[in-house]
PDB file of N, CA and C in Angstrom:
ATOM      1  N   MET A   1      60.664 -15.913   0.983  1.00  0.00           N
ATOM      2  CA  MET A   1      60.733 -14.374   1.333  1.00  0.00           C
ATOM      3  C   MET A   1      61.797 -14.229   0.648  1.00  0.00           C
ATOM      4  N   ASP A   2      61.474 -12.617   0.176  1.00  0.00           N
ATOM      5  CA  ASP A   2      62.635 -11.959  -0.604  1.00  0.00           C
ATOM      6  C   ASP A   2      63.295 -11.115  -0.004  1.00  0.00           C
ATOM      7  N   PHE A   3      65.007 -11.619  -0.269  1.00  0.00           N
ATOM      8  CA  PHE A   3      65.710 -10.861   0.458  1.00  0.00           C
ATOM      9  C   PHE A   3      66.266  -9.605  -0.265  1.00  0.00           C
ATOM     10  N   GLN A   4      66.550  -8.694   0.506  1.00  0.00           N
ATOM     11  CA  GLN A   4      67.179  -7.248  -0.493  1.00  0.00           C
ATOM     12  C   GLN A   4      68.746  -7.203   0.026  1.00  0.00           C
ATOM     13  N   GLN A   5      69.053  -6.457  -0.694  1.00  0.00           N
ATOM     14  CA  GLN A   5      70.649  -6.463  -0.809  1.00  0.00           C
ATOM     15  C   GLN A   5      70.833  -5.783   0.491  1.00  0.00           C
ATOM     16  N   THR A   6      70.174  -4.535   0.511  1.00  0.00           N
ATOM     17  CA  THR A   6      70.458  -3.280   1.317  1.00  0.00           C
ATOM     18  C   THR A   6      70.796  -3.671   2.677  1.00  0.00           C
ATOM     19  N   GLN A   7      70.192  -5.121   3.461  1.00  0.00           N
ATOM     20  CA  GLN A   7      70.257  -5.013   4.934  1.00  0.00           C
ATOM     21  C   GLN A   7      70.694  -6.545   4.961  1.00  0.00           C
ATOM     22  N   PRO A   8      71.470  -6.861   6.204  1.00  0.00           N
ATOM     23  CA  PRO A   8      71.975  -8.412   6.178  1.00  0.00           C
ATOM     24  C   PRO A   8      70.575  -9.132   6.282  1.00  0.00           C
ATOM     25  N   ILE A   9      70.809 -10.520   6.017  1.00  0.00           N
ATOM     26  CA  ILE A   9      69.419 -11.043   6.198  1.00  0.00           C
ATOM     27  C   ILE A   9      69.332 -11.345   7.464  1.00  0.00           C
ATOM     28  N   PHE A  10      69.925 -11.619   8.424  1.00  0.00           N
ATOM     29  CA  PHE A  10      69.657 -11.815  10.076  1.00  0.00           C
ATOM     30  C   PHE A  10      68.969 -10.945   9.852  1.00  0.00           C
ATOM     31  N   LEU A  11      69.263  -9.584   9.601  1.00  0.00           N
ATOM     32  CA  LEU A  11      68.629  -8.598  10.105  1.00  0.00           C
ATOM     33  C   LEU A  11      67.023  -8.418   9.662  1.00  0.00           C
ATOM     34  N   GLN A  12      66.661  -9.108   8.450  1.00  0.00           N
ATOM     35  CA  GLN A  12      65.845  -8.983   7.390  1.00  0.00           C
ATOM     36  C   GLN A  12      64.692  -9.846   8.208  1.00  0.00           C
ATOM     37  N   ILE A  13      65.351 -11.194   8.783  1.00  0.00           N
ATOM     38  CA  ILE A  13      64.701 -12.302   9.432  1.00  0.00           C
ATOM     39  C   ILE A  13      64.206 -11.609  10.615  1.00  0.00           C
ATOM     40  N   VAL A  14      64.687 -10.867  11.495  1.00  0.00           N
ATOM     41  CA  VAL A  14      64.266  -9.958  12.612  1.00  0.00           C
ATOM     42  C   VAL A  14      63.185  -9.026  12.041  1.00  0.00           C
ATOM     43  N   ASP A  15      63.360  -8.361  11.270  1.00  0.00           N
ATOM     44  CA  ASP A  15      62.056  -7.603  10.727  1.00  0.00           C
ATOM     45  C   ASP A  15      60.344  -8.213  10.316  1.00  0.00           C
ATOM     46  N   TRP A  16      61.139  -9.807   9.656  1.00  0.00           N
ATOM     47  CA  TRP A  16      59.992 -10.026   9.135  1.00  0.00           C
ATOM     48  C   TRP A  16      59.279 -11.129  10.593  1.00  0.00           C
ATOM     49  N   LEU A  17      60.217 -11.360  11.557  1.00  0.00           N
ATOM     50  CA  LEU A  17      59.469 -11.828  13.189  1.00  0.00           C
ATOM     51  C   LEU A  17      58.971 -10.864  13.689  1.00  0.00           C
ATOM     52  N   CYS A  18      59.190  -9.238  13.736  1.00  0.00           N
ATOM     53  CA  CYS A  18      58.533  -8.338  14.190  1.00  0.00           C
ATOM     54  C   CYS A  18      57.507  -7.845  13.365  1.00  0.00           C
ATOM     55  N   ASP A  19      57.144  -7.810  11.892  1.00  0.00           N
ATOM     56  CA  ASP A  19      56.097  -7.846  11.586  1.00  0.00           C
ATOM     57  C   ASP A  19      54.974  -8.734  12.203  1.00  0.00           C
ATOM     58  N   GLN A  20      55.502 -10.125  12.026  1.00  0.00           N
ATOM     59  CA  GLN A  20      54.092 -11.099  12.509  1.00  0.00           C
ATOM     60  C   GLN A  20      54.101 -10.875  14.094  1.00  0.00           C
ATOM     61  N   ILE A  21      54.994 -10.198  14.798  1.00  0.00           N
ATOM     62  CA  ILE A  21      54.628  -9.730  16.427  1.00  0.00           C
ATOM     63  C   ILE A  21      53.736  -8.648  16.397  1.00  0.00           C
ATOM     64  N   ILE A  22      53.544  -7.641  15.274  1.00  0.00           N
ATOM     65  CA  ILE A  22      52.979  -6.381  15.348  1.00  0.00           C
ATOM     66  C   ILE A  22      51.815  -6.743  14.873  1.00  0.00           C
ATOM     67  N   ALA A  23      51.599  -8.034  13.563  1.00  0.00           N
ATOM     68  CA  ALA A  23      50.155  -8.026  13.477  1.00  0.00           C
ATOM     69  C   ALA A  23      49.866  -8.795  14.256  1.00  0.00           C
ATOM     70  N   GLY A  24      50.302  -9.317  15.072  1.00  0.00           N
ATOM     71  CA  GLY A  24      49.297 -10.215  16.109  1.00  0.00           C
ATOM     72  C   GLY A  24      49.594 -11.539  15.939  1.00  0.00           C
ATOM     73  N   ASP A  25      50.446 -12.636  14.878  1.00  0.00           N
ATOM     74  CA  ASP A  25      50.377 -13.527  14.397  1.00  0.00           C
ATOM     75  C   ASP A  25      51.462 -14.308  15.624  1.00  0.00           C
ATOM     76  N   ILE A  26      51.639 -13.787  16.105  1.00  0.00           N
ATOM     77  CA  ILE A  26      52.645 -14.202  17.573  1.00  0.00           C
ATOM     78  C   ILE A  26      52.206 -13.398  18.721  1.00  0.00           C
ATOM     79  N   ALA A  27      51.352 -13.881  19.811  1.00  0.00           N
ATOM     80  CA  ALA A  27      51.110 -13.441  20.663  1.00  0.00           C
ATOM     81  C   ALA A  27      52.110 -13.346  22.038  1.00  0.00           C
ATOM     82  N   ALA A  28      51.904 -12.455  23.256  1.00  0.00           N
ATOM     83  CA  ALA A  28      52.757 -12.511  24.072  1.00  0.00           C
ATOM     84  C   ALA A  28      52.604 -13.685  24.919  1.00  0.00           C
ATOM     85  N   GLY A  29      54.227 -14.215  25.215  1.00  0.00           N
ATOM     86  CA  GLY A  29      53.970 -15.515  25.818  1.00  0.00           C
ATOM     87  C   GLY A  29      54.079 -16.567  25.321  1.00  0.00           C
ATOM     88  N   GLU A  30      53.786 -16.539  23.650  1.00  0.00           N
ATOM     89  CA  GLU A  30      53.638 -17.750  22.942  1.00  0.00           C
ATOM     90  C   GLU A  30      55.077 -17.903  22.691  1.00  0.00           C
ATOM     91  N   GLN A  31      55.030 -19.438  22.159  1.00  0.00           N
ATOM     92  CA  GLN A  31      56.482 -19.701  21.552  1.00  0.00           C
ATOM     93  C   GLN A  31      56.879 -19.455  20.319  1.00  0.00           C
ATOM     94  N   ILE A  32      57.887 -19.332  19.467  1.00  0.00           N
ATOM     95  CA  ILE A  32      57.368 -18.259  18.392  1.00  0.00           C
ATOM     96  C   ILE A  32      58.571 -19.744  17.441  1.00  0.00           C
ATOM     97  N   PRO A  33      58.419 -19.742  16.325  1.00  0.00           N
ATOM     98  CA  PRO A  33      59.304 -20.829  15.647  1.00  0.00           C
ATOM     99  C   PRO A  33      60.441 -21.363  16.055  1.00  0.00           C
ATOM    100  N   SER A  34      61.051 -22.880  15.753  1.00  0.00           N
ATOM    101  CA  SER A  34      62.320 -22.699  16.218  1.00  0.00           C
ATOM    102  C   SER A  34      63.468 -22.503  15.053  1.00  0.00           C
ATOM    103  N   VAL A  35      64.267 -22.514  15.577  1.00  0.00           N
ATOM    104  CA  VAL A  35      65.627 -22.020  14.383  1.00  0.00           C
ATOM    105  C   VAL A  35      65.087 -22.562  13.155  1.00  0.00           C
ATOM    106  N   ARG A  36      65.150 -24.417  13.465  1.00  0.00           N
ATOM    107  CA  ARG A  36      65.410 -25.323  12.439  1.00  0.00           C
ATOM    108  C   ARG A  36      63.804 -24.677  11.519  1.00  0.00           C
ATOM    109  N   GLU A  37      62.788 -24.802  11.990  1.00  0.00           N
ATOM    110  CA  GLU A  37      61.668 -24.262  11.113  1.00  0.00           C
ATOM    111  C   GLU A  37      61.990 -22.942  10.535  1.00  0.00           C
ATOM    112  N   ILE A  38      62.591 -21.672  11.218  1.00  0.00           N
ATOM    113  CA  ILE A  38      62.298 -20.544  10.417  1.00  0.00           C
ATOM    114  C   ILE A  38      63.769 -20.742   9.089  1.00  0.00           C
ATOM    115  N   ALA A  39      64.500 -21.568   9.284  1.00  0.00           N
ATOM    116  CA  ALA A  39      65.715 -22.139   8.443  1.00  0.00           C
ATOM    117  C   ALA A  39      64.560 -22.174   7.442  1.00  0.00           C
ATOM    118  N   ALA A  40      63.905 -23.781   7.364  1.00  0.00           N
ATOM    119  CA  ALA A  40      63.241 -24.482   6.586  1.00  0.00           C
ATOM    120  C   ALA A  40      62.213 -23.247   5.591  1.00  0.00           C
ATOM    121  N   LYS A  41      61.478 -22.267   6.639  1.00  0.00           N
ATOM    122  CA  LYS A  41      60.736 -21.526   6.008  1.00  0.00           C
ATOM    123  C   LYS A  41      61.096 -20.334   5.314  1.00  0.00           C
ATOM    124  N   THR A  42      62.111 -20.017   5.330  1.00  0.00           N
ATOM    125  CA  THR A  42      63.036 -18.499   4.970  1.00  0.00           C
ATOM    126  C   THR A  42      64.404 -19.305   3.681  1.00  0.00           C
ATOM    127  N   GLY A  43      64.263 -20.363   3.971  1.00  0.00           N
ATOM    128  CA  GLY A  43      65.254 -21.138   3.203  1.00  0.00           C
ATOM    129  C   GLY A  43      66.668 -20.626   3.171  1.00  0.00           C
ATOM    130  N   VAL A  44      66.953 -20.163   4.698  1.00  0.00           N
ATOM    131  CA  VAL A  44      68.161 -19.095   5.302  1.00  0.00           C
ATOM    132  C   VAL A  44      69.111 -20.557   5.711  1.00  0.00           C
ATOM    133  N   ASN A  45      70.319 -20.619   6.030  1.00  0.00           N
ATOM    134  CA  ASN A  45      71.244 -21.578   7.005  1.00  0.00           C
ATOM    135  C   ASN A  45      70.961 -21.066   8.348  1.00  0.00           C
ATOM    136  N   PRO A  46      70.555 -22.272   8.639  1.00  0.00           N
ATOM    137  CA  PRO A  46      70.182 -22.172  10.501  1.00  0.00           C
ATOM    138  C   PRO A  46      71.132 -21.016  11.448  1.00  0.00           C
ATOM    139  N   ASN A  47      72.125 -21.154  10.847  1.00  0.00           N
ATOM    140  CA  ASN A  47      73.226 -20.107  11.987  1.00  0.00           C
ATOM    141  C   ASN A  47      72.600 -18.759  11.468  1.00  0.00           C
ATOM    142  N   THR A  48      72.141 -18.510  10.085  1.00  0.00           N
ATOM    143  CA  THR A  48      71.952 -17.145   9.863  1.00  0.00           C
ATOM    144  C   THR A  48      70.631 -16.847  10.743  1.00  0.00           C
ATOM    145  N   VAL A  49      69.621 -17.782  11.000  1.00  0.00           N
ATOM    146  CA  VAL A  49      68.370 -17.239  11.482  1.00  0.00           C
ATOM    147  C   VAL A  49      68.882 -17.558  13.194  1.00  0.00           C
ATOM    148  N   GLN A  50      69.888 -18.255  13.574  1.00  0.00           N
ATOM    149  CA  GLN A  50      70.626 -18.066  15.138  1.00  0.00           C
ATOM    150  C   GLN A  50      70.657 -16.659  15.276  1.00  0.00           C
ATOM    151  N   ARG A  51      71.548 -16.090  14.385  1.00  0.00           N
ATOM    152  CA  ARG A  51      72.036 -14.572  14.867  1.00  0.00           C
ATOM    153  C   ARG A  51      70.818 -13.998  14.993  1.00  0.00           C
ATOM    154  N   ALA A  52      70.209 -14.064  14.315  1.00  0.00           N
ATOM    155  CA  ALA A  52      68.786 -13.050  14.347  1.00  0.00           C
ATOM    156  C   ALA A  52      67.437 -13.524  15.746  1.00  0.00           C
ATOM    157  N   VAL A  53      67.324 -14.930  15.928  1.00  0.00           N
ATOM    158  CA  VAL A  53      67.154 -15.164  17.234  1.00  0.00           C
ATOM    159  C   VAL A  53      68.147 -14.098  18.696  1.00  0.00           C
ATOM    160  N   GLU A  54      69.111 -14.714  18.580  1.00  0.00           N
ATOM    161  CA  GLU A  54      70.276 -13.753  19.313  1.00  0.00           C
ATOM    162  C   GLU A  54      69.957 -12.592  19.223  1.00  0.00           C
ATOM    163  N   ARG A  55      69.901 -12.082  18.341  1.00  0.00           N
ATOM    164  CA  ARG A  55      69.310 -10.293  18.233  1.00  0.00           C
ATOM    165  C   ARG A  55      68.185 -10.223  19.373  1.00  0.00           C
ATOM    166  N   MET A  56      67.641 -10.738  18.740  1.00  0.00           N
ATOM    167  CA  MET A  56      65.800 -10.319  19.387  1.00  0.00           C
ATOM    168  C   MET A  56      65.957 -10.831  21.126  1.00  0.00           C
ATOM    169  N   LEU A  57      67.007 -11.939  21.328  1.00  0.00           N
ATOM    170  CA  LEU A  57      67.433 -12.427  22.603  1.00  0.00           C
ATOM    171  C   LEU A  57      67.911 -11.192  23.569  1.00  0.00           C
ATOM    172  N   MET A  58      68.645 -10.604  22.792  1.00  0.00           N
ATOM    173  CA  MET A  58      69.748  -9.441  23.609  1.00  0.00           C
ATOM    174  C   MET A  58      68.342  -8.258  23.688  1.00  0.00           C
ATOM    175  N   SER A  59      67.934  -7.620  22.194  1.00  0.00           N
ATOM    176  CA  SER A  59      66.919  -6.846  22.587  1.00  0.00           C
ATOM    177  C   SER A  59      65.373  -6.891  23.965  1.00  0.00           C
ATOM    178  N   GLY A  60      65.773  -8.135  24.494  1.00  0.00           N
ATOM    179  CA  GLY A  60      64.770  -8.659  25.086  1.00  0.00           C
ATOM    180  C   GLY A  60      63.141  -8.583  24.397  1.00  0.00           C
ATOM    181  N   ILE A  61      62.818  -8.862  23.115  1.00  0.00           N
ATOM    182  CA  ILE A  61      61.651  -9.266  22.589  1.00  0.00           C
ATOM    183  C   ILE A  61      61.361 -10.794  22.786  1.00  0.00           C
ATOM    184  N   ILE A  62      62.237 -11.481  22.789  1.00  0.00           N
ATOM    185  CA  ILE A  62      61.746 -12.949  23.128  1.00  0.00           C
ATOM    186  C   ILE A  62      62.794 -13.505  24.299  1.00  0.00           C
ATOM    187  N   GLN A  63      62.648 -14.421  24.976  1.00  0.00           N
ATOM    188  CA  GLN A  63      63.208 -14.777  26.130  1.00  0.00           C
ATOM    189  C   GLN A  63      63.626 -16.494  25.961  1.00  0.00           C
ATOM    190  N   SER A  64      64.419 -16.891  26.180  1.00  0.00           N
ATOM    191  CA  SER A  64      64.830 -18.538  25.987  1.00  0.00           C
ATOM    192  C   SER A  64      64.292 -19.551  27.682  1.00  0.00           C
ATOM    193  N   GLN A  65      63.319 -20.334  27.131  1.00  0.00           N
ATOM    194  CA  GLN A  65      62.936 -20.921  28.387  1.00  0.00           C
ATOM    195  C   GLN A  65      64.090 -22.527  28.419  1.00  0.00           C
ATOM    196  N   ARG A  66      65.082 -22.752  28.757  1.00  0.00           N
ATOM    197  CA  ARG A  66      65.709 -24.081  28.681  1.00  0.00           C
ATOM    198  C   ARG A  66      65.021 -25.016  28.430  1.00  0.00           C
ATOM    199  N   GLY A  67      65.388 -25.515  27.064  1.00  0.00           N
ATOM    200  CA  GLY A  67      64.617 -27.192  27.207  1.00  0.00           C
ATOM    201  C   GLY A  67      63.165 -27.077  26.099  1.00  0.00           C
ATOM    202  N   LYS A  68      62.935 -26.046  25.869  1.00  0.00           N
ATOM    203  CA  LYS A  68      61.299 -25.555  26.057  1.00  0.00           C
ATOM    204  C   LYS A  68      60.990 -24.569  24.507  1.00  0.00           C
ATOM    205  N   GLY A  69      62.448 -23.737  24.380  1.00  0.00           N
ATOM    206  CA  GLY A  69      62.465 -22.980  23.175  1.00  0.00           C
ATOM    207  C   GLY A  69      62.320 -21.550  23.666  1.00  0.00           C
ATOM    208  N   ASN A  70      62.057 -20.271  22.563  1.00  0.00           N
ATOM    209  CA  ASN A  70      61.918 -19.030  22.714  1.00  0.00           C
ATOM    210  C   ASN A  70      60.532 -18.527  23.015  1.00  0.00           C
ATOM    211  N   PHE A  71      60.339 -17.599  23.379  1.00  0.00           N
ATOM    212  CA  PHE A  71      58.827 -17.229  23.737  1.00  0.00           C
ATOM    213  C   PHE A  71      58.935 -15.652  23.821  1.00  0.00           C
ATOM    214  N   LEU A  72      57.967 -14.901  23.303  1.00  0.00           N
ATOM    215  CA  LEU A  72      57.765 -13.487  23.231  1.00  0.00           C
ATOM    216  C   LEU A  72      57.767 -13.324  24.612  1.00  0.00           C
ATOM    217  N   THR A  73      58.042 -11.986  25.378  1.00  0.00           N
ATOM    218  CA  THR A  73      57.760 -11.540  26.365  1.00  0.00           C
ATOM    219  C   THR A  73      57.042 -10.693  26.295  1.00  0.00           C
ATOM    220  N   ASN A  74      56.526 -10.360  27.545  1.00  0.00           N
ATOM    221  CA  ASN A  74      55.034  -9.626  27.857  1.00  0.00           C
ATOM    222  C   ASN A  74      54.767  -8.395  27.057  1.00  0.00           C
ATOM    223  N   ASN A  75      55.964  -7.436  27.053  1.00  0.00           N
ATOM    224  CA  ASN A  75      55.658  -6.514  26.083  1.00  0.00           C
ATOM    225  C   ASN A  75      56.241  -6.354  25.188  1.00  0.00           C
ATOM    226  N   ALA A  76      56.261  -7.205  24.350  1.00  0.00           N
ATOM    227  CA  ALA A  76      57.260  -7.739  22.740  1.00  0.00           C
ATOM    228  C   ALA A  76      56.674  -7.143  21.925  1.00  0.00           C
ATOM    229  N   ARG A  77      55.408  -6.757  21.979  1.00  0.00           N
ATOM    230  CA  ARG A  77      54.446  -6.250  20.609  1.00  0.00           C
ATOM    231  C   ARG A  77      54.414  -4.557  21.030  1.00  0.00           C
ATOM    232  N   GLN A  78      54.894  -4.393  22.160  1.00  0.00           N
ATOM    233  CA  GLN A  78      54.733  -2.605  22.444  1.00  0.00           C
ATOM    234  C   GLN A  78      56.102  -2.064  21.992  1.00  0.00           C
ATOM    235  N   GLN A  79      57.186  -2.900  22.612  1.00  0.00           N
ATOM    236  CA  GLN A  79      58.078  -3.075  22.832  1.00  0.00           C
ATOM    237  C   GLN A  79      59.053  -2.548  21.270  1.00  0.00           C
ATOM    238  N   VAL A  80      58.369  -3.368  20.169  1.00  0.00           N
ATOM    239  CA  VAL A  80      58.311  -3.652  18.622  1.00  0.00           C
ATOM    240  C   VAL A  80      58.204  -2.543  17.985  1.00  0.00           C
ATOM    241  N   LEU A  81      56.429  -1.840  18.323  1.00  0.00           N
ATOM    242  CA  LEU A  81      56.089  -1.103  17.964  1.00  0.00           C
ATOM    243  C   LEU A  81      56.903   0.546  18.167  1.00  0.00           C
ATOM    244  N   ASN A  82      57.461   0.438  19.517  1.00  0.00           N
ATOM    245  CA  ASN A  82      58.489   1.799  19.714  1.00  0.00           C
ATOM    246  C   ASN A  82      59.125   1.753  18.986  1.00  0.00           C
ATOM    247  N   GLU A  83      60.089   0.668  18.889  1.00  0.00           N
ATOM    248  CA  GLU A  83      61.457   0.956  17.810  1.00  0.00           C
ATOM    249  C   GLU A  83      60.975   1.114  16.619  1.00  0.00           C
ATOM    250  N   ARG A  84      59.813   0.584  15.919  1.00  0.00           N
ATOM    251  CA  ARG A  84      59.862   0.595  14.556  1.00  0.00           C
ATOM    252  C   ARG A  84      59.366   2.289  14.277  1.00  0.00           C
ATOM    253  N   ARG A  85      58.947   2.967  15.499  1.00  0.00           N
ATOM    254  CA  ARG A  85      58.496   4.470  15.664  1.00  0.00           C
ATOM    255  C   ARG A  85      59.294   5.048  15.645  1.00  0.00           C
ATOM    256  N   GLU A  86      60.287   4.426  16.329  1.00  0.00           N
ATOM    257  CA  GLU A  86      61.428   5.739  16.629  1.00  0.00           C
ATOM    258  C   GLU A  86      62.122   5.435  15.156  1.00  0.00           C
ATOM    259  N   LYS A  87      62.239   4.668  14.704  1.00  0.00           N
ATOM    260  CA  LYS A  87      63.179   4.080  13.146  1.00  0.00           C
ATOM    261  C   LYS A  87      62.474   5.148  12.178  1.00  0.00           C
ATOM    262  N   LEU A  88      61.058   5.123  12.464  1.00  0.00           N
ATOM    263  CA  LEU A  88      60.485   5.969  11.023  1.00  0.00           C
ATOM    264  C   LEU A  88      60.717   7.345  11.337  1.00  0.00           C
ATOM    265  N   TYR A  89      60.916   7.852  12.695  1.00  0.00           N
ATOM    266  CA  TYR A  89      60.783   9.421  13.124  1.00  0.00           C
ATOM    267  C   TYR A  89      62.132   9.921  12.806  1.00  0.00           C
ATOM    268  N   ASN A  90      63.028   9.139  13.500  1.00  0.00           N
ATOM    269  CA  ASN A  90      64.587   9.417  13.423  1.00  0.00           C
ATOM    270  C   ASN A  90      65.365   9.118  12.273  1.00  0.00           C
ATOM    271  N   THR A  91      65.160   8.437  11.160  1.00  0.00           N
ATOM    272  CA  THR A  91      65.422   7.840  10.257  1.00  0.00           C
ATOM    273  C   THR A  91      64.828   8.179   8.653  1.00  0.00           C
ATOM    274  N   GLN A  92      63.883   7.710   9.187  1.00  0.00           N
ATOM    275  CA  GLN A  92      63.014   7.445   7.784  1.00  0.00           C
ATOM    276  C   GLN A  92      62.480   8.661   7.076  1.00  0.00           C
ATOM    277  N   LEU A  93      61.437   9.396   7.995  1.00  0.00           N
ATOM    278  CA  LEU A  93      61.119  10.362   7.804  1.00  0.00           C
ATOM    279  C   LEU A  93      62.220  11.841   7.510  1.00  0.00           C
ATOM    280  N   PRO A  94      62.956  11.850   8.527  1.00  0.00           N
ATOM    281  CA  PRO A  94      64.289  13.153   8.182  1.00  0.00           C
ATOM    282  C   PRO A  94      64.696  12.791   6.052  1.00  0.00           C
ATOM    283  N   LYS A  95      64.933  11.633   5.963  1.00  0.00           N
ATOM    284  CA  LYS A  95      65.244  11.270   4.065  1.00  0.00           C
ATOM    285  C   LYS A  95      64.223  11.377   3.158  1.00  0.00           C
ATOM    286  N   LEU A  96      63.363  11.350   3.689  1.00  0.00           N
ATOM    287  CA  LEU A  96      61.864  12.249   2.814  1.00  0.00           C
ATOM    288  C   LEU A  96      61.806  13.088   3.079  1.00  0.00           C
ATOM    289  N   ALA A  97      61.438  13.614   3.926  1.00  0.00           N
ATOM    290  CA  ALA A  97      61.571  15.258   4.278  1.00  0.00           C
ATOM    291  C   ALA A  97      62.406  15.854   3.305  1.00  0.00           C
ATOM    292  N   THR A  98      64.005  15.447   3.052  1.00  0.00           N
ATOM    293  CA  THR A  98      65.066  16.074   2.443  1.00  0.00           C
ATOM    294  C   THR A  98      64.563  15.880   0.802  1.00  0.00           C
ATOM    295  N   GLU A  99      64.298  14.576   0.630  1.00  0.00           N
ATOM    296  CA  GLU A  99      63.550  14.391  -0.461  1.00  0.00           C
ATOM    297  C   GLU A  99      62.675  15.536  -1.392  1.00  0.00           C
ATOM    298  N   ILE A 100      61.683  15.717  -0.553  1.00  0.00           N
ATOM    299  CA  ILE A 100      60.484  16.348  -0.712  1.00  0.00           C
ATOM    300  C   ILE A 100      60.705  17.606  -0.842  1.00  0.00           C
ATOM    301  N   LYS A 101      61.597  18.194   0.129  1.00  0.00           N
ATOM    302  CA  LYS A 101      62.032  19.886   0.196  1.00  0.00           C
ATOM    303  C   LYS A 101      63.197  20.209  -1.713  1.00  0.00           C
ATOM    304  N   LEU A 102      63.968  18.994  -1.458  1.00  0.00           N
ATOM    305  CA  LEU A 102      64.680  18.939  -2.832  1.00  0.00           C
ATOM    306  C   LEU A 102      64.180  19.154  -4.078  1.00  0.00           C
ATOM    307  N   LEU A 103      62.936  18.229  -4.232  1.00  0.00           N
ATOM    308  CA  LEU A 103      61.681  18.644  -5.129  1.00  0.00           C
ATOM    309  C   LEU A 103      60.515  19.392  -5.404  1.00  0.00           C
ATOM    310  N   GLY A 104      60.749  20.275  -4.369  1.00  0.00           N
ATOM    311  CA  GLY A 104      59.621  21.131  -3.706  1.00  0.00           C
ATOM    312  C   GLY A 104      58.450  20.613  -4.301  1.00  0.00           C
ATOM    313  N   LEU A 105      58.042  19.644  -3.432  1.00  0.00           N
ATOM    314  CA  LEU A 105      56.331  18.940  -3.211  1.00  0.00           C
ATOM    315  C   LEU A 105      55.942  19.776  -2.628  1.00  0.00           C
ATOM    316  N   PRO A 106      54.866  19.854  -3.087  1.00  0.00           N
ATOM    317  CA  PRO A 106      53.288  20.577  -1.993  1.00  0.00           C
ATOM    318  C   PRO A 106      53.457  19.724  -1.042  1.00  0.00           C
ATOM    319  N   LEU A 107      53.071  20.023   0.631  1.00  0.00           N
ATOM    320  CA  LEU A 107      52.786  18.776   1.367  1.00  0.00           C
ATOM    321  C   LEU A 107      51.529  18.508   1.299  1.00  0.00           C
ATOM    322  N   ASP A 108      50.666  19.466   0.963  1.00  0.00           N
ATOM    323  CA  ASP A 108      49.503  19.016   0.532  1.00  0.00           C
ATOM    324  C   ASP A 108      48.894  17.709  -0.658  1.00  0.00           C
ATOM    325  N   ASP A 109      50.089  17.669  -1.442  1.00  0.00           N
ATOM    326  CA  ASP A 109      50.068  16.608  -2.339  1.00  0.00           C
ATOM    327  C   ASP A 109      50.810  15.477  -1.867  1.00  0.00           C
ATOM    328  N   ILE A 110      51.757  15.536  -1.100  1.00  0.00           N
ATOM    329  CA  ILE A 110      52.475  14.536  -0.415  1.00  0.00           C
ATOM    330  C   ILE A 110      51.376  13.650   0.850  1.00  0.00           C
ATOM    331  N   TYR A 111      50.521  14.784   1.421  1.00  0.00           N
ATOM    332  CA  TYR A 111      49.439  14.240   2.279  1.00  0.00           C
ATOM    333  C   TYR A 111      48.530  13.053   1.484  1.00  0.00           C
ATOM    334  N   GLN A 112      47.903  14.017   0.412  1.00  0.00           N
ATOM    335  CA  GLN A 112      47.159  13.082  -0.293  1.00  0.00           C
ATOM    336  C   GLN A 112      47.171  11.917  -0.700  1.00  0.00           C
ATOM    337  N   GLN A 113      48.530  12.307  -1.392  1.00  0.00           N
ATOM    338  CA  GLN A 113      49.424  10.357  -1.945  1.00  0.00           C
ATOM    339  C   GLN A 113      49.340   9.226  -0.675  1.00  0.00           C
ATOM    340  N   LEU A 114      50.085   9.940   0.436  1.00  0.00           N
ATOM    341  CA  LEU A 114      50.009   9.153   1.895  1.00  0.00           C
ATOM    342  C   LEU A 114      48.638   8.360   1.710  1.00  0.00           C
ATOM    343  N   GLU A 115      47.767   9.286   2.363  1.00  0.00           N
ATOM    344  CA  GLU A 115      46.618   8.808   2.619  1.00  0.00           C
ATOM    345  C   GLU A 115      45.901   7.625   1.445  1.00  0.00           C
ATOM    346  N   GLN A 116      46.163   8.065   0.167  1.00  0.00           N
ATOM    347  CA  GLN A 116      45.711   6.986  -0.797  1.00  0.00           C
ATOM    348  C   GLN A 116      46.498   5.656  -0.732  1.00  0.00           C
ATOM    349  N   LEU A 117      47.625   5.629   0.120  1.00  0.00           N
ATOM    350  CA  LEU A 117      48.471   4.655  -0.239  1.00  0.00           C
ATOM    351  C   LEU A 117      48.089   3.939   1.250  1.00  0.00           C
ATOM    352  N   ILE A 118      47.656   4.787   2.432  1.00  0.00           N
ATOM    353  CA  ILE A 118      47.562   3.944   2.983  1.00  0.00           C
ATOM    354  C   ILE A 118      45.890   2.942   3.464  1.00  0.00           C
ATOM    355  N   LYS A 119      44.916   3.667   2.131  1.00  0.00           N
ATOM    356  CA  LYS A 119      44.183   3.411   1.693  1.00  0.00           C
ATOM    357  C   LYS A 119      43.864   2.274   1.230  1.00  0.00           C
ATOM    358  N   LYS A 120      44.853   1.751   0.544  1.00  0.00           N
ATOM    359  CA  LYS A 120      44.829   0.740  -0.433  1.00  0.00           C
ATOM    360  C   LYS A 120      45.206  -0.101   0.645  1.00  0.00           C
ATOM    361  N   GLN A 121      46.326  -0.098   1.590  1.00  0.00           N
ATOM    362  CA  GLN A 121      46.376  -1.341   2.247  1.00  0.00           C
ATOM    363  C   GLN A 121      45.501  -1.973   3.489  1.00  0.00           C
TER     364      GLN A 121
END
């Protein structure tokens, strides 16, 4: 996993796990990998991974079952989707709109570029 300098590592681990939830790699009610497994896979200190898990527990994406581990809540995927959409609409799009306006780019060109990028993925 390549970590960026712009965001704390534990938040990047949260995002990485949320990507897996959105993709359906981890289903509702399913156990997530243990802190040690995630630490080994990402090459990160287990304490950092624990911070990520605690963040997900506090947000209600996962729930802990004593002695068994951490499991996705039934509405985890929808919750993650809602949070990501809200972040896109409230944070990322306003920044992009400012840049588009500053550069004087026609919206039709932006739409075509965006459409091509989505098709490539």
